[in-house]
Amino acid sequence: DDESYVFLAAAHALSAVADVIPGEVMPYLLEQFETEKREKTRRRLGEALVLSVRRRGEAAPAYAQKLGRAFAAGAANDRAERDRLACLSCLSELAPLCRDVDGWGLDALDLAMAGLDGRD
């Protein structure tokens, strides 16, 4: 639908700006993700962050810790199910891009296991 095209174009635009000034854009997007109250907007910010990190290439690990902790917190049981699923998806895309998941890897594992066995 038209809304999906607009979102995708916006996500790519944010990633392109992050390519030029990552030190400013990545912390800004992360702050917006952590403070956003609307679930749909929050999910979209998470996707834009993952897209931006993918484009970072070798620099991706520089953002891994903060993003991993934010996505793990977003996947916590006190969140709406769709929000939790989106954050778990973001974690699954983030992990292979990083050299080190210390500080959030075990949280992500526990959250994923809880999802597999239906624990809430």
N, C-alpha and C. Protein backbone atom coordinates (compact mmCIF):
# COMPACT_ATOMS: atom_id res chain seq x y z
N ASP A 1 0.82 -1.19 0.00
CA ASP A 1 0.00 0.00 0.00
C ASP A 1 0.87 1.25 0.00
N ASP A 2 0.23 2.40 -0.20
CA ASP A 2 0.97 3.66 -0.30
C ASP A 2 1.76 3.96 0.97
N GLU A 3 1.17 3.63 2.13
CA GLU A 3 1.83 3.91 3.41
C GLU A 3 3.15 3.15 3.52
N SER A 4 3.19 1.92 3.05
CA SER A 4 4.42 1.12 3.10
C SER A 4 5.51 1.74 2.25
N TYR A 5 5.15 2.26 1.08
CA TYR A 5 6.14 2.89 0.21
C TYR A 5 6.71 4.15 0.85
N VAL A 6 5.84 4.90 1.50
CA VAL A 6 6.30 6.12 2.17
C VAL A 6 7.25 5.75 3.31
N PHE A 7 6.88 4.75 4.10
CA PHE A 7 7.74 4.32 5.20
C PHE A 7 9.09 3.84 4.68
N LEU A 8 9.07 3.00 3.64
CA LEU A 8 10.32 2.47 3.10
C LEU A 8 11.22 3.58 2.57
N ALA A 9 10.63 4.54 1.89
CA ALA A 9 11.40 5.68 1.38
C ALA A 9 11.98 6.49 2.54
N ALA A 10 11.20 6.68 3.59
CA ALA A 10 11.67 7.43 4.76
C ALA A 10 12.81 6.68 5.45
N ALA A 11 12.69 5.36 5.60
CA ALA A 11 13.74 4.56 6.24
C ALA A 11 15.04 4.64 5.45
N HIS A 12 14.94 4.57 4.13
CA HIS A 12 16.15 4.67 3.30
C HIS A 12 16.75 6.08 3.36
N ALA A 13 15.90 7.08 3.45
CA ALA A 13 16.41 8.46 3.58
C ALA A 13 17.15 8.63 4.90
N LEU A 14 16.59 8.11 5.99
CA LEU A 14 17.26 8.19 7.29
C LEU A 14 18.60 7.46 7.24
N SER A 15 18.63 6.31 6.61
CA SER A 15 19.88 5.55 6.49
C SER A 15 20.91 6.29 5.67
N ALA A 16 20.47 6.95 4.62
CA ALA A 16 21.39 7.71 3.78
C ALA A 16 22.01 8.87 4.56
N VAL A 17 21.19 9.54 5.36
CA VAL A 17 21.72 10.63 6.18
C VAL A 17 22.68 10.06 7.23
N ALA A 18 22.34 8.89 7.78
CA ALA A 18 23.23 8.25 8.75
C ALA A 18 24.56 7.86 8.13
N ASP A 19 24.57 7.59 6.82
CA ASP A 19 25.83 7.30 6.14
C ASP A 19 26.78 8.49 6.18
N VAL A 20 26.20 9.68 6.11
CA VAL A 20 27.00 10.90 6.04
C VAL A 20 27.41 11.38 7.43
N ILE A 21 26.48 11.38 8.37
CA ILE A 21 26.78 11.87 9.73
C ILE A 21 26.27 10.86 10.78
N PRO A 22 26.85 9.66 10.81
CA PRO A 22 26.37 8.63 11.73
C PRO A 22 26.46 9.02 13.20
N GLY A 23 27.47 9.78 13.56
CA GLY A 23 27.65 10.18 14.96
C GLY A 23 26.52 11.04 15.49
N GLU A 24 25.80 11.69 14.61
CA GLU A 24 24.66 12.51 15.01
C GLU A 24 23.33 11.78 14.81
N VAL A 25 23.21 11.11 13.68
CA VAL A 25 21.93 10.49 13.32
C VAL A 25 21.64 9.24 14.15
N MET A 26 22.61 8.36 14.33
CA MET A 26 22.36 7.11 15.06
C MET A 26 21.92 7.37 16.51
N PRO A 27 22.61 8.23 17.26
CA PRO A 27 22.12 8.51 18.62
C PRO A 27 20.73 9.15 18.63
N TYR A 28 20.46 10.01 17.65
CA TYR A 28 19.15 10.64 17.56
C TYR A 28 18.05 9.60 17.31
N LEU A 29 18.28 8.72 16.34
CA LEU A 29 17.28 7.68 16.05
C LEU A 29 17.08 6.76 17.24
N LEU A 30 18.17 6.43 17.91
CA LEU A 30 18.06 5.56 19.09
C LEU A 30 17.25 6.23 20.19
N GLU A 31 17.49 7.51 20.42
CA GLU A 31 16.73 8.23 21.43
C GLU A 31 15.24 8.27 21.07
N GLN A 32 14.95 8.50 19.80
CA GLN A 32 13.55 8.52 19.35
C GLN A 32 12.92 7.15 19.55
N PHE A 33 13.66 6.09 19.25
CA PHE A 33 13.15 4.73 19.44
C PHE A 33 12.83 4.46 20.91
N GLU A 34 13.74 4.87 21.78
CA GLU A 34 13.57 4.59 23.22
C GLU A 34 12.45 5.40 23.86
N THR A 35 12.13 6.56 23.31
CA THR A 35 11.13 7.43 23.94
C THR A 35 9.78 7.44 23.23
N GLU A 36 9.71 6.86 22.05
CA GLU A 36 8.47 6.87 21.28
C GLU A 36 7.38 6.05 21.97
N LYS A 37 6.20 6.62 22.09
CA LYS A 37 5.08 5.95 22.76
C LYS A 37 4.19 5.19 21.78
N ARG A 38 4.10 5.66 20.55
CA ARG A 38 3.24 5.00 19.56
C ARG A 38 3.94 3.75 19.03
N GLU A 39 3.29 2.61 19.19
CA GLU A 39 3.90 1.33 18.84
C GLU A 39 4.30 1.26 17.37
N LYS A 40 3.43 1.68 16.48
CA LYS A 40 3.72 1.57 15.05
C LYS A 40 4.94 2.41 14.68
N THR A 41 5.01 3.62 15.22
CA THR A 41 6.16 4.48 14.94
C THR A 41 7.42 3.88 15.54
N ARG A 42 7.31 3.32 16.73
CA ARG A 42 8.44 2.69 17.40
C ARG A 42 8.97 1.52 16.58
N ARG A 43 8.06 0.69 16.06
CA ARG A 43 8.48 -0.45 15.23
C ARG A 43 9.20 0.04 13.98
N ARG A 44 8.69 1.08 13.39
CA ARG A 44 9.31 1.60 12.17
C ARG A 44 10.68 2.22 12.46
N LEU A 45 10.81 2.88 13.59
CA LEU A 45 12.12 3.41 13.97
C LEU A 45 13.12 2.27 14.16
N GLY A 46 12.66 1.18 14.78
CA GLY A 46 13.53 0.02 14.96
C GLY A 46 14.01 -0.53 13.63
N GLU A 47 13.11 -0.62 12.67
CA GLU A 47 13.48 -1.11 11.35
C GLU A 47 14.46 -0.16 10.66
N ALA A 48 14.23 1.13 10.82
CA ALA A 48 15.14 2.12 10.22
C ALA A 48 16.53 2.02 10.87
N LEU A 49 16.58 1.78 12.18
CA LEU A 49 17.86 1.61 12.87
C LEU A 49 18.60 0.39 12.35
N VAL A 50 17.89 -0.71 12.19
CA VAL A 50 18.54 -1.92 11.69
C VAL A 50 19.06 -1.69 10.28
N LEU A 51 18.27 -1.06 9.44
CA LEU A 51 18.72 -0.74 8.08
C LEU A 51 19.98 0.12 8.12
N SER A 52 19.98 1.11 9.00
CA SER A 52 21.14 1.99 9.13
C SER A 52 22.37 1.23 9.60
N VAL A 53 22.20 0.32 10.54
CA VAL A 53 23.33 -0.46 11.05
C VAL A 53 23.86 -1.39 9.96
N ARG A 54 22.96 -1.99 9.20
CA ARG A 54 23.39 -2.85 8.09
C ARG A 54 24.29 -2.08 7.13
N ARG A 55 23.94 -0.83 6.90
CA ARG A 55 24.72 -0.01 5.98
C ARG A 55 26.03 0.47 6.59
N ARG A 56 26.20 0.33 7.89
CA ARG A 56 27.43 0.75 8.55
C ARG A 56 28.59 -0.17 8.23
N GLY A 57 28.30 -1.39 7.83
CA GLY A 57 29.36 -2.34 7.48
C GLY A 57 30.28 -2.61 8.65
N GLU A 58 31.56 -2.36 8.46
CA GLU A 58 32.56 -2.63 9.49
C GLU A 58 32.34 -1.77 10.75
N ALA A 59 31.64 -0.67 10.60
CA ALA A 59 31.39 0.21 11.75
C ALA A 59 30.17 -0.22 12.57
N ALA A 60 29.46 -1.23 12.11
CA ALA A 60 28.23 -1.67 12.81
C ALA A 60 28.45 -1.98 14.29
N PRO A 61 29.55 -2.67 14.65
CA PRO A 61 29.73 -3.00 16.06
C PRO A 61 29.77 -1.78 16.99
N ALA A 62 30.09 -0.62 16.47
CA ALA A 62 30.13 0.58 17.30
C ALA A 62 28.77 0.93 17.87
N TYR A 63 27.71 0.46 17.23
CA TYR A 63 26.35 0.77 17.67
C TYR A 63 25.65 -0.43 18.31
N ALA A 64 26.32 -1.56 18.31
CA ALA A 64 25.68 -2.81 18.72
C ALA A 64 25.20 -2.81 20.16
N GLN A 65 26.02 -2.35 21.07
CA GLN A 65 25.65 -2.43 22.48
C GLN A 65 24.40 -1.62 22.79
N LYS A 66 24.39 -0.37 22.36
CA LYS A 66 23.24 0.49 22.66
C LYS A 66 21.98 -0.01 21.98
N LEU A 67 22.09 -0.40 20.72
CA LEU A 67 20.92 -0.89 20.00
C LEU A 67 20.45 -2.22 20.56
N GLY A 68 21.38 -3.11 20.86
CA GLY A 68 21.01 -4.41 21.42
C GLY A 68 20.25 -4.26 22.73
N ARG A 69 20.75 -3.40 23.60
CA ARG A 69 20.05 -3.19 24.88
C ARG A 69 18.68 -2.56 24.65
N ALA A 70 18.59 -1.61 23.72
CA ALA A 70 17.30 -0.96 23.45
C ALA A 70 16.30 -1.95 22.87
N PHE A 71 16.73 -2.79 21.93
CA PHE A 71 15.83 -3.77 21.34
C PHE A 71 15.43 -4.83 22.36
N ALA A 72 16.38 -5.25 23.21
CA ALA A 72 16.05 -6.23 24.25
C ALA A 72 15.02 -5.65 25.23
N ALA A 73 15.19 -4.39 25.60
CA ALA A 73 14.21 -3.75 26.47
C ALA A 73 12.86 -3.64 25.77
N GLY A 74 12.89 -3.38 24.47
CA GLY A 74 11.65 -3.27 23.71
C GLY A 74 10.93 -4.60 23.56
N ALA A 75 11.66 -5.70 23.69
CA ALA A 75 11.06 -7.02 23.57
C ALA A 75 10.61 -7.57 24.93
N ALA A 76 10.74 -6.77 25.97
CA ALA A 76 10.37 -7.21 27.32
C ALA A 76 8.88 -7.53 27.40
N ASN A 77 8.53 -8.35 28.37
CA ASN A 77 7.17 -8.85 28.50
C ASN A 77 6.12 -7.79 28.80
N ASP A 78 6.52 -6.61 29.23
CA ASP A 78 5.53 -5.58 29.54
C ASP A 78 5.12 -4.78 28.31
N ARG A 79 5.59 -5.15 27.15
CA ARG A 79 5.26 -4.47 25.90
C ARG A 79 4.15 -5.22 25.17
N ALA A 80 3.52 -4.51 24.23
CA ALA A 80 2.50 -5.14 23.39
C ALA A 80 3.17 -6.22 22.54
N GLU A 81 2.42 -7.25 22.21
CA GLU A 81 2.98 -8.40 21.50
C GLU A 81 3.62 -8.01 20.16
N ARG A 82 2.97 -7.18 19.37
CA ARG A 82 3.53 -6.79 18.08
C ARG A 82 4.84 -6.02 18.26
N ASP A 83 4.91 -5.20 19.30
CA ASP A 83 6.13 -4.44 19.59
C ASP A 83 7.25 -5.40 20.00
N ARG A 84 6.91 -6.36 20.83
CA ARG A 84 7.89 -7.36 21.27
C ARG A 84 8.43 -8.15 20.08
N LEU A 85 7.53 -8.58 19.21
CA LEU A 85 7.95 -9.35 18.03
C LEU A 85 8.86 -8.53 17.11
N ALA A 86 8.51 -7.27 16.93
CA ALA A 86 9.33 -6.41 16.08
C ALA A 86 10.73 -6.25 16.67
N CYS A 87 10.81 -6.08 17.98
CA CYS A 87 12.12 -5.92 18.63
C CYS A 87 12.93 -7.22 18.55
N LEU A 88 12.27 -8.36 18.71
CA LEU A 88 12.99 -9.63 18.55
C LEU A 88 13.50 -9.77 17.12
N SER A 89 12.71 -9.35 16.15
CA SER A 89 13.16 -9.38 14.76
C SER A 89 14.38 -8.48 14.57
N CYS A 90 14.34 -7.30 15.16
CA CYS A 90 15.49 -6.38 15.08
C CYS A 90 16.73 -7.00 15.71
N LEU A 91 16.54 -7.67 16.85
CA LEU A 91 17.68 -8.35 17.50
C LEU A 91 18.25 -9.43 16.60
N SER A 92 17.37 -10.17 15.93
CA SER A 92 17.85 -11.26 15.07
C SER A 92 18.63 -10.72 13.87
N GLU A 93 18.32 -9.52 13.43
CA GLU A 93 19.08 -8.92 12.33
C GLU A 93 20.36 -8.25 12.83
N LEU A 94 20.33 -7.74 14.05
CA LEU A 94 21.48 -7.04 14.60
C LEU A 94 22.60 -7.99 14.99
N ALA A 95 22.27 -9.11 15.58
CA ALA A 95 23.28 -10.02 16.12
C ALA A 95 24.34 -10.44 15.10
N PRO A 96 23.98 -10.84 13.89
CA PRO A 96 25.03 -11.25 12.94
C PRO A 96 25.93 -10.11 12.47
N LEU A 97 25.48 -8.88 12.64
CA LEU A 97 26.28 -7.73 12.20
C LEU A 97 27.33 -7.33 13.22
N CYS A 98 27.24 -7.91 14.40
CA CYS A 98 28.09 -7.48 15.52
C CYS A 98 29.13 -8.53 15.85
N ARG A 99 30.23 -8.06 16.34
CA ARG A 99 31.27 -8.97 16.79
C ARG A 99 31.08 -9.34 18.26
N ASP A 100 30.32 -8.55 18.97
CA ASP A 100 30.19 -8.73 20.41
C ASP A 100 28.75 -8.44 20.83
N VAL A 101 28.11 -9.41 21.43
CA VAL A 101 26.74 -9.22 21.92
C VAL A 101 26.71 -9.21 23.45
N ASP A 102 27.88 -9.02 24.05
CA ASP A 102 27.99 -8.95 25.49
C ASP A 102 27.11 -7.81 26.01
N GLY A 103 26.35 -8.08 27.06
CA GLY A 103 25.51 -7.05 27.64
C GLY A 103 24.06 -7.14 27.19
N TRP A 104 23.80 -7.82 26.07
CA TRP A 104 22.42 -7.97 25.63
C TRP A 104 22.14 -9.32 24.98
N GLY A 105 23.15 -10.05 24.63
CA GLY A 105 22.96 -11.34 23.97
C GLY A 105 22.18 -12.34 24.81
N LEU A 106 22.53 -12.44 26.09
CA LEU A 106 21.81 -13.38 26.95
C LEU A 106 20.37 -12.94 27.19
N ASP A 107 20.15 -11.62 27.29
CA ASP A 107 18.78 -11.12 27.41
C ASP A 107 17.97 -11.49 26.17
N ALA A 108 18.56 -11.32 25.00
CA ALA A 108 17.88 -11.66 23.75
C ALA A 108 17.58 -13.15 23.69
N LEU A 109 18.53 -13.96 24.13
CA LEU A 109 18.33 -15.41 24.14
C LEU A 109 17.18 -15.78 25.07
N ASP A 110 17.15 -15.20 26.24
CA ASP A 110 16.08 -15.48 27.20
C ASP A 110 14.72 -15.05 26.66
N LEU A 111 14.67 -13.89 26.03
CA LEU A 111 13.41 -13.40 25.45
C LEU A 111 12.95 -14.31 24.32
N ALA A 112 13.87 -14.75 23.49
CA ALA A 112 13.51 -15.65 22.39
C ALA A 112 13.02 -16.99 22.92
N MET A 113 13.69 -17.51 23.93
CA MET A 113 13.26 -18.78 24.53
C MET A 113 11.88 -18.65 25.15
N ALA A 114 11.63 -17.51 25.80
CA ALA A 114 10.31 -17.29 26.39
C ALA A 114 9.25 -17.27 25.30
N GLY A 115 9.59 -16.71 24.15
CA GLY A 115 8.64 -16.70 23.04
C GLY A 115 8.39 -18.08 22.49
N LEU A 116 9.42 -18.92 22.47
CA LEU A 116 9.26 -20.27 21.96
C LEU A 116 8.38 -21.14 22.84
N ASP A 117 8.54 -20.98 24.15
CA ASP A 117 7.76 -21.86 25.03
C ASP A 117 6.50 -21.19 25.59
N GLY A 118 6.20 -19.98 25.10
CA GLY A 118 4.94 -19.31 25.47
C GLY A 118 4.94 -18.62 26.81
N ARG A 119 6.11 -18.44 27.43
CA ARG A 119 6.17 -17.71 28.70
C ARG A 119 5.93 -16.24 28.44
N ASP A 120 5.13 -15.62 29.27
CA ASP A 120 4.91 -14.17 29.18
C ASP A 120 5.26 -13.50 30.46
